[in-house]
Amino acid sequence: MHTTILTWTELPGQFFGMFTQPGGHVFPTLMTGWALCTARRTTTGMLPFTVL
């Protein structure tokens, strides 16, 4: 099955079924921080690039 992702916000939505409700909100935030991070990609390095 092939899926076409049209926007960045739809990409994390493909994984929502794998997480509990709180994790489903944290995952896209950290994923966005990971993509925008210019430093070392650790959790604390990604947090300044996320909107919590």
PDB file of N, CA and C in Angstrom:
ATOM      1  N   MET A   1       0.836  -1.169   0.000  1.00  0.00           N
ATOM      2  CA  MET A   1       0.000   0.000   0.000  1.00  0.00           C
ATOM      3  C   MET A   1       0.885   1.237   0.000  1.00  0.00           C
ATOM      4  N   HIS A   2       0.714   2.090  -0.956  1.00  0.00           N
ATOM      5  CA  HIS A   2       1.490   3.314  -1.061  1.00  0.00           C
ATOM      6  C   HIS A   2       0.647   4.492  -0.592  1.00  0.00           C
ATOM      7  N   THR A   3       1.271   5.354   0.185  1.00  0.00           N
ATOM      8  CA  THR A   3       0.592   6.527   0.698  1.00  0.00           C
ATOM      9  C   THR A   3       1.362   7.768   0.274  1.00  0.00           C
ATOM     10  N   THR A   4       0.662   8.768  -0.206  1.00  0.00           N
ATOM     11  CA  THR A   4       1.284  10.030  -0.574  1.00  0.00           C
ATOM     12  C   THR A   4       1.082  11.023   0.558  1.00  0.00           C
ATOM     13  N   ILE A   5       2.186  11.603   1.038  1.00  0.00           N
ATOM     14  CA  ILE A   5       2.133  12.606   2.098  1.00  0.00           C
ATOM     15  C   ILE A   5       2.221  13.970   1.429  1.00  0.00           C
ATOM     16  N   LEU A   6       1.219  14.815   1.669  1.00  0.00           N
ATOM     17  CA  LEU A   6       1.184  16.115   1.014  1.00  0.00           C
ATOM     18  C   LEU A   6       1.802  17.231   1.849  1.00  0.00           C
ATOM     19  N   THR A   7       1.710  17.135   3.165  1.00  0.00           N
ATOM     20  CA  THR A   7       2.265  18.188   4.011  1.00  0.00           C
ATOM     21  C   THR A   7       3.036  17.561   5.163  1.00  0.00           C
ATOM     22  N   TRP A   8       3.867  18.389   5.789  1.00  0.00           N
ATOM     23  CA  TRP A   8       4.656  17.915   6.926  1.00  0.00           C
ATOM     24  C   TRP A   8       3.754  17.486   8.084  1.00  0.00           C
ATOM     25  N   THR A   9       2.623  18.152   8.257  1.00  0.00           N
ATOM     26  CA  THR A   9       1.739  17.827   9.372  1.00  0.00           C
ATOM     27  C   THR A   9       1.031  16.489   9.182  1.00  0.00           C
ATOM     28  N   GLU A  10       0.910  16.010   7.967  1.00  0.00           N
ATOM     29  CA  GLU A  10       0.292  14.709   7.726  1.00  0.00           C
ATOM     30  C   GLU A  10       1.241  13.554   8.019  1.00  0.00           C
ATOM     31  N   LEU A  11       2.525  13.801   7.939  1.00  0.00           N
ATOM     32  CA  LEU A  11       3.498  12.730   8.145  1.00  0.00           C
ATOM     33  C   LEU A  11       3.415  12.108   9.537  1.00  0.00           C
ATOM     34  N   PRO A  12       3.431  12.874  10.631  1.00  0.00           N
ATOM     35  CA  PRO A  12       3.289  12.258  11.949  1.00  0.00           C
ATOM     36  C   PRO A  12       1.938  11.576  12.139  1.00  0.00           C
ATOM     37  N   GLY A  13       0.922  12.028  11.426  1.00  0.00           N
ATOM     38  CA  GLY A  13      -0.399  11.430  11.536  1.00  0.00           C
ATOM     39  C   GLY A  13      -0.419   9.971  11.131  1.00  0.00           C
ATOM     40  N   GLN A  14       0.538   9.549  10.333  1.00  0.00           N
ATOM     41  CA  GLN A  14       0.632   8.155   9.922  1.00  0.00           C
ATOM     42  C   GLN A  14       1.002   7.246  11.098  1.00  0.00           C
ATOM     43  N   PHE A  15       1.543   7.810  12.168  1.00  0.00           N
ATOM     44  CA  PHE A  15       2.019   7.032  13.301  1.00  0.00           C
ATOM     45  C   PHE A  15       1.145   7.155  14.544  1.00  0.00           C
ATOM     46  N   PHE A  16       0.048   7.920  14.495  1.00  0.00           N
ATOM     47  CA  PHE A  16      -0.782   8.157  15.676  1.00  0.00           C
ATOM     48  C   PHE A  16      -1.316   6.867  16.290  1.00  0.00           C
ATOM     49  N   GLY A  17      -1.605   5.876  15.496  1.00  0.00           N
ATOM     50  CA  GLY A  17      -2.143   4.626  16.018  1.00  0.00           C
ATOM     51  C   GLY A  17      -1.163   3.845  16.877  1.00  0.00           C
ATOM     52  N   MET A  18       0.108   4.198  16.827  1.00  0.00           N
ATOM     53  CA  MET A  18       1.138   3.486  17.585  1.00  0.00           C
ATOM     54  C   MET A  18       1.350   4.076  18.975  1.00  0.00           C
ATOM     55  N   PHE A  19       0.721   5.212  19.280  1.00  0.00           N
ATOM     56  CA  PHE A  19       0.973   5.904  20.527  1.00  0.00           C
ATOM     57  C   PHE A  19      -0.293   6.034  21.359  1.00  0.00           C
ATOM     58  N   THR A  20      -0.111   6.221  22.662  1.00  0.00           N
ATOM     59  CA  THR A  20      -1.232   6.577  23.518  1.00  0.00           C
ATOM     60  C   THR A  20      -1.561   8.043  23.247  1.00  0.00           C
ATOM     61  N   GLN A  21      -2.627   8.546  23.834  1.00  0.00           N
ATOM     62  CA  GLN A  21      -3.021   9.934  23.560  1.00  0.00           C
ATOM     63  C   GLN A  21      -1.926  10.952  23.890  1.00  0.00           C
ATOM     64  N   PRO A  22      -1.305  10.918  25.073  1.00  0.00           N
ATOM     65  CA  PRO A  22      -0.264  11.929  25.323  1.00  0.00           C
ATOM     66  C   PRO A  22       0.924  11.784  24.373  1.00  0.00           C
ATOM     67  N   GLY A  23       1.313  10.562  24.090  1.00  0.00           N
ATOM     68  CA  GLY A  23       2.446  10.337  23.196  1.00  0.00           C
ATOM     69  C   GLY A  23       2.155  10.781  21.776  1.00  0.00           C
ATOM     70  N   GLY A  24       0.890  10.693  21.379  1.00  0.00           N
ATOM     71  CA  GLY A  24       0.500  11.124  20.047  1.00  0.00           C
ATOM     72  C   GLY A  24       0.661  12.613  19.832  1.00  0.00           C
ATOM     73  N   HIS A  25       0.644  13.382  20.908  1.00  0.00           N
ATOM     74  CA  HIS A  25       0.850  14.829  20.798  1.00  0.00           C
ATOM     75  C   HIS A  25       2.326  15.196  20.918  1.00  0.00           C
ATOM     76  N   VAL A  26       3.078  14.425  21.662  1.00  0.00           N
ATOM     77  CA  VAL A  26       4.499  14.712  21.856  1.00  0.00           C
ATOM     78  C   VAL A  26       5.310  14.302  20.622  1.00  0.00           C
ATOM     79  N   PHE A  27       4.957  13.187  19.995  1.00  0.00           N
ATOM     80  CA  PHE A  27       5.728  12.683  18.858  1.00  0.00           C
ATOM     81  C   PHE A  27       5.866  13.687  17.715  1.00  0.00           C
ATOM     82  N   PRO A  28       4.773  14.290  17.210  1.00  0.00           N
ATOM     83  CA  PRO A  28       4.959  15.247  16.109  1.00  0.00           C
ATOM     84  C   PRO A  28       5.769  16.478  16.510  1.00  0.00           C
ATOM     85  N   THR A  29       5.660  16.866  17.766  1.00  0.00           N
ATOM     86  CA  THR A  29       6.436  18.014  18.247  1.00  0.00           C
ATOM     87  C   THR A  29       7.925  17.696  18.215  1.00  0.00           C
ATOM     88  N   LEU A  30       8.301  16.530  18.724  1.00  0.00           N
ATOM     89  CA  LEU A  30       9.713  16.150  18.711  1.00  0.00           C
ATOM     90  C   LEU A  30      10.204  15.866  17.300  1.00  0.00           C
ATOM     91  N   MET A  31       9.349  15.329  16.455  1.00  0.00           N
ATOM     92  CA  MET A  31       9.740  15.058  15.076  1.00  0.00           C
ATOM     93  C   MET A  31      10.029  16.359  14.326  1.00  0.00           C
ATOM     94  N   THR A  32       9.220  17.378  14.559  1.00  0.00           N
ATOM     95  CA  THR A  32       9.458  18.678  13.954  1.00  0.00           C
ATOM     96  C   THR A  32      10.751  19.290  14.484  1.00  0.00           C
ATOM     97  N   GLY A  33      10.961  19.171  15.789  1.00  0.00           N
ATOM     98  CA  GLY A  33      12.210  19.664  16.377  1.00  0.00           C
ATOM     99  C   GLY A  33      13.422  18.961  15.812  1.00  0.00           C
ATOM    100  N   TRP A  34      13.299  17.657  15.558  1.00  0.00           N
ATOM    101  CA  TRP A  34      14.406  16.885  14.991  1.00  0.00           C
ATOM    102  C   TRP A  34      14.741  17.393  13.591  1.00  0.00           C
ATOM    103  N   ALA A  35      13.718  17.674  12.804  1.00  0.00           N
ATOM    104  CA  ALA A  35      13.946  18.137  11.428  1.00  0.00           C
ATOM    105  C   ALA A  35      14.553  19.533  11.393  1.00  0.00           C
ATOM    106  N   LEU A  36      14.168  20.383  12.350  1.00  0.00           N
ATOM    107  CA  LEU A  36      14.645  21.762  12.353  1.00  0.00           C
ATOM    108  C   LEU A  36      15.951  21.960  13.117  1.00  0.00           C
ATOM    109  N   CYS A  37      16.354  20.967  13.879  1.00  0.00           N
ATOM    110  CA  CYS A  37      17.534  21.080  14.737  1.00  0.00           C
ATOM    111  C   CYS A  37      18.803  21.239  13.906  1.00  0.00           C
ATOM    112  N   THR A  38      19.600  22.223  14.256  1.00  0.00           N
ATOM    113  CA  THR A  38      20.867  22.435  13.559  1.00  0.00           C
ATOM    114  C   THR A  38      22.039  21.918  14.379  1.00  0.00           C
ATOM    115  N   ALA A  39      21.791  21.616  15.641  1.00  0.00           N
ATOM    116  CA  ALA A  39      22.840  21.106  16.520  1.00  0.00           C
ATOM    117  C   ALA A  39      22.752  19.583  16.562  1.00  0.00           C
ATOM    118  N   ARG A  40      23.366  19.017  17.549  1.00  0.00           N
ATOM    119  CA  ARG A  40      23.308  17.579  17.741  1.00  0.00           C
ATOM    120  C   ARG A  40      21.864  17.166  18.022  1.00  0.00           C
ATOM    121  N   ARG A  41      21.392  16.103  17.401  1.00  0.00           N
ATOM    122  CA  ARG A  41      19.985  15.714  17.500  1.00  0.00           C
ATOM    123  C   ARG A  41      19.729  14.832  18.719  1.00  0.00           C
ATOM    124  N   THR A  42      19.781  15.461  19.873  1.00  0.00           N
ATOM    125  CA  THR A  42      19.380  14.815  21.114  1.00  0.00           C
ATOM    126  C   THR A  42      18.051  15.432  21.523  1.00  0.00           C
ATOM    127  N   THR A  43      17.372  14.830  22.490  1.00  0.00           N
ATOM    128  CA  THR A  43      16.078  15.374  22.912  1.00  0.00           C
ATOM    129  C   THR A  43      16.235  16.798  23.420  1.00  0.00           C
ATOM    130  N   THR A  44      17.248  17.047  24.237  1.00  0.00           N
ATOM    131  CA  THR A  44      17.439  18.405  24.747  1.00  0.00           C
ATOM    132  C   THR A  44      17.914  19.349  23.645  1.00  0.00           C
ATOM    133  N   GLY A  45      18.575  18.846  22.626  1.00  0.00           N
ATOM    134  CA  GLY A  45      18.983  19.688  21.508  1.00  0.00           C
ATOM    135  C   GLY A  45      17.818  20.065  20.610  1.00  0.00           C
ATOM    136  N   MET A  46      16.777  19.216  20.582  1.00  0.00           N
ATOM    137  CA  MET A  46      15.612  19.480  19.737  1.00  0.00           C
ATOM    138  C   MET A  46      14.606  20.413  20.397  1.00  0.00           C
ATOM    139  N   LEU A  47      14.560  20.450  21.708  1.00  0.00           N
ATOM    140  CA  LEU A  47      13.530  21.220  22.398  1.00  0.00           C
ATOM    141  C   LEU A  47      13.478  22.708  22.045  1.00  0.00           C
ATOM    142  N   PRO A  48      14.602  23.393  21.842  1.00  0.00           N
ATOM    143  CA  PRO A  48      14.494  24.811  21.464  1.00  0.00           C
ATOM    144  C   PRO A  48      13.813  25.025  20.089  1.00  0.00           C
ATOM    145  N   PHE A  49      13.723  23.999  19.268  1.00  0.00           N
ATOM    146  CA  PHE A  49      13.142  24.119  17.932  1.00  0.00           C
ATOM    147  C   PHE A  49      11.682  23.682  17.902  1.00  0.00           C
ATOM    148  N   THR A  50      11.138  23.293  19.029  1.00  0.00           N
ATOM    149  CA  THR A  50       9.754  22.825  19.082  1.00  0.00           C
ATOM    150  C   THR A  50       8.865  23.892  19.701  1.00  0.00           C
ATOM    151  N   VAL A  51       7.606  23.803  19.409  1.00  0.00           N
ATOM    152  CA  VAL A  51       6.617  24.694  20.008  1.00  0.00           C
ATOM    153  C   VAL A  51       5.775  23.840  20.937  1.00  0.00           C
ATOM    154  N   LEU A  52       6.007  23.954  22.231  1.00  0.00           N
ATOM    155  CA  LEU A  52       5.280  23.129  23.184  1.00  0.00           C
ATOM    156  C   LEU A  52       4.105  23.809  23.697  1.00  0.00           C
TER     157      LEU A  52
END
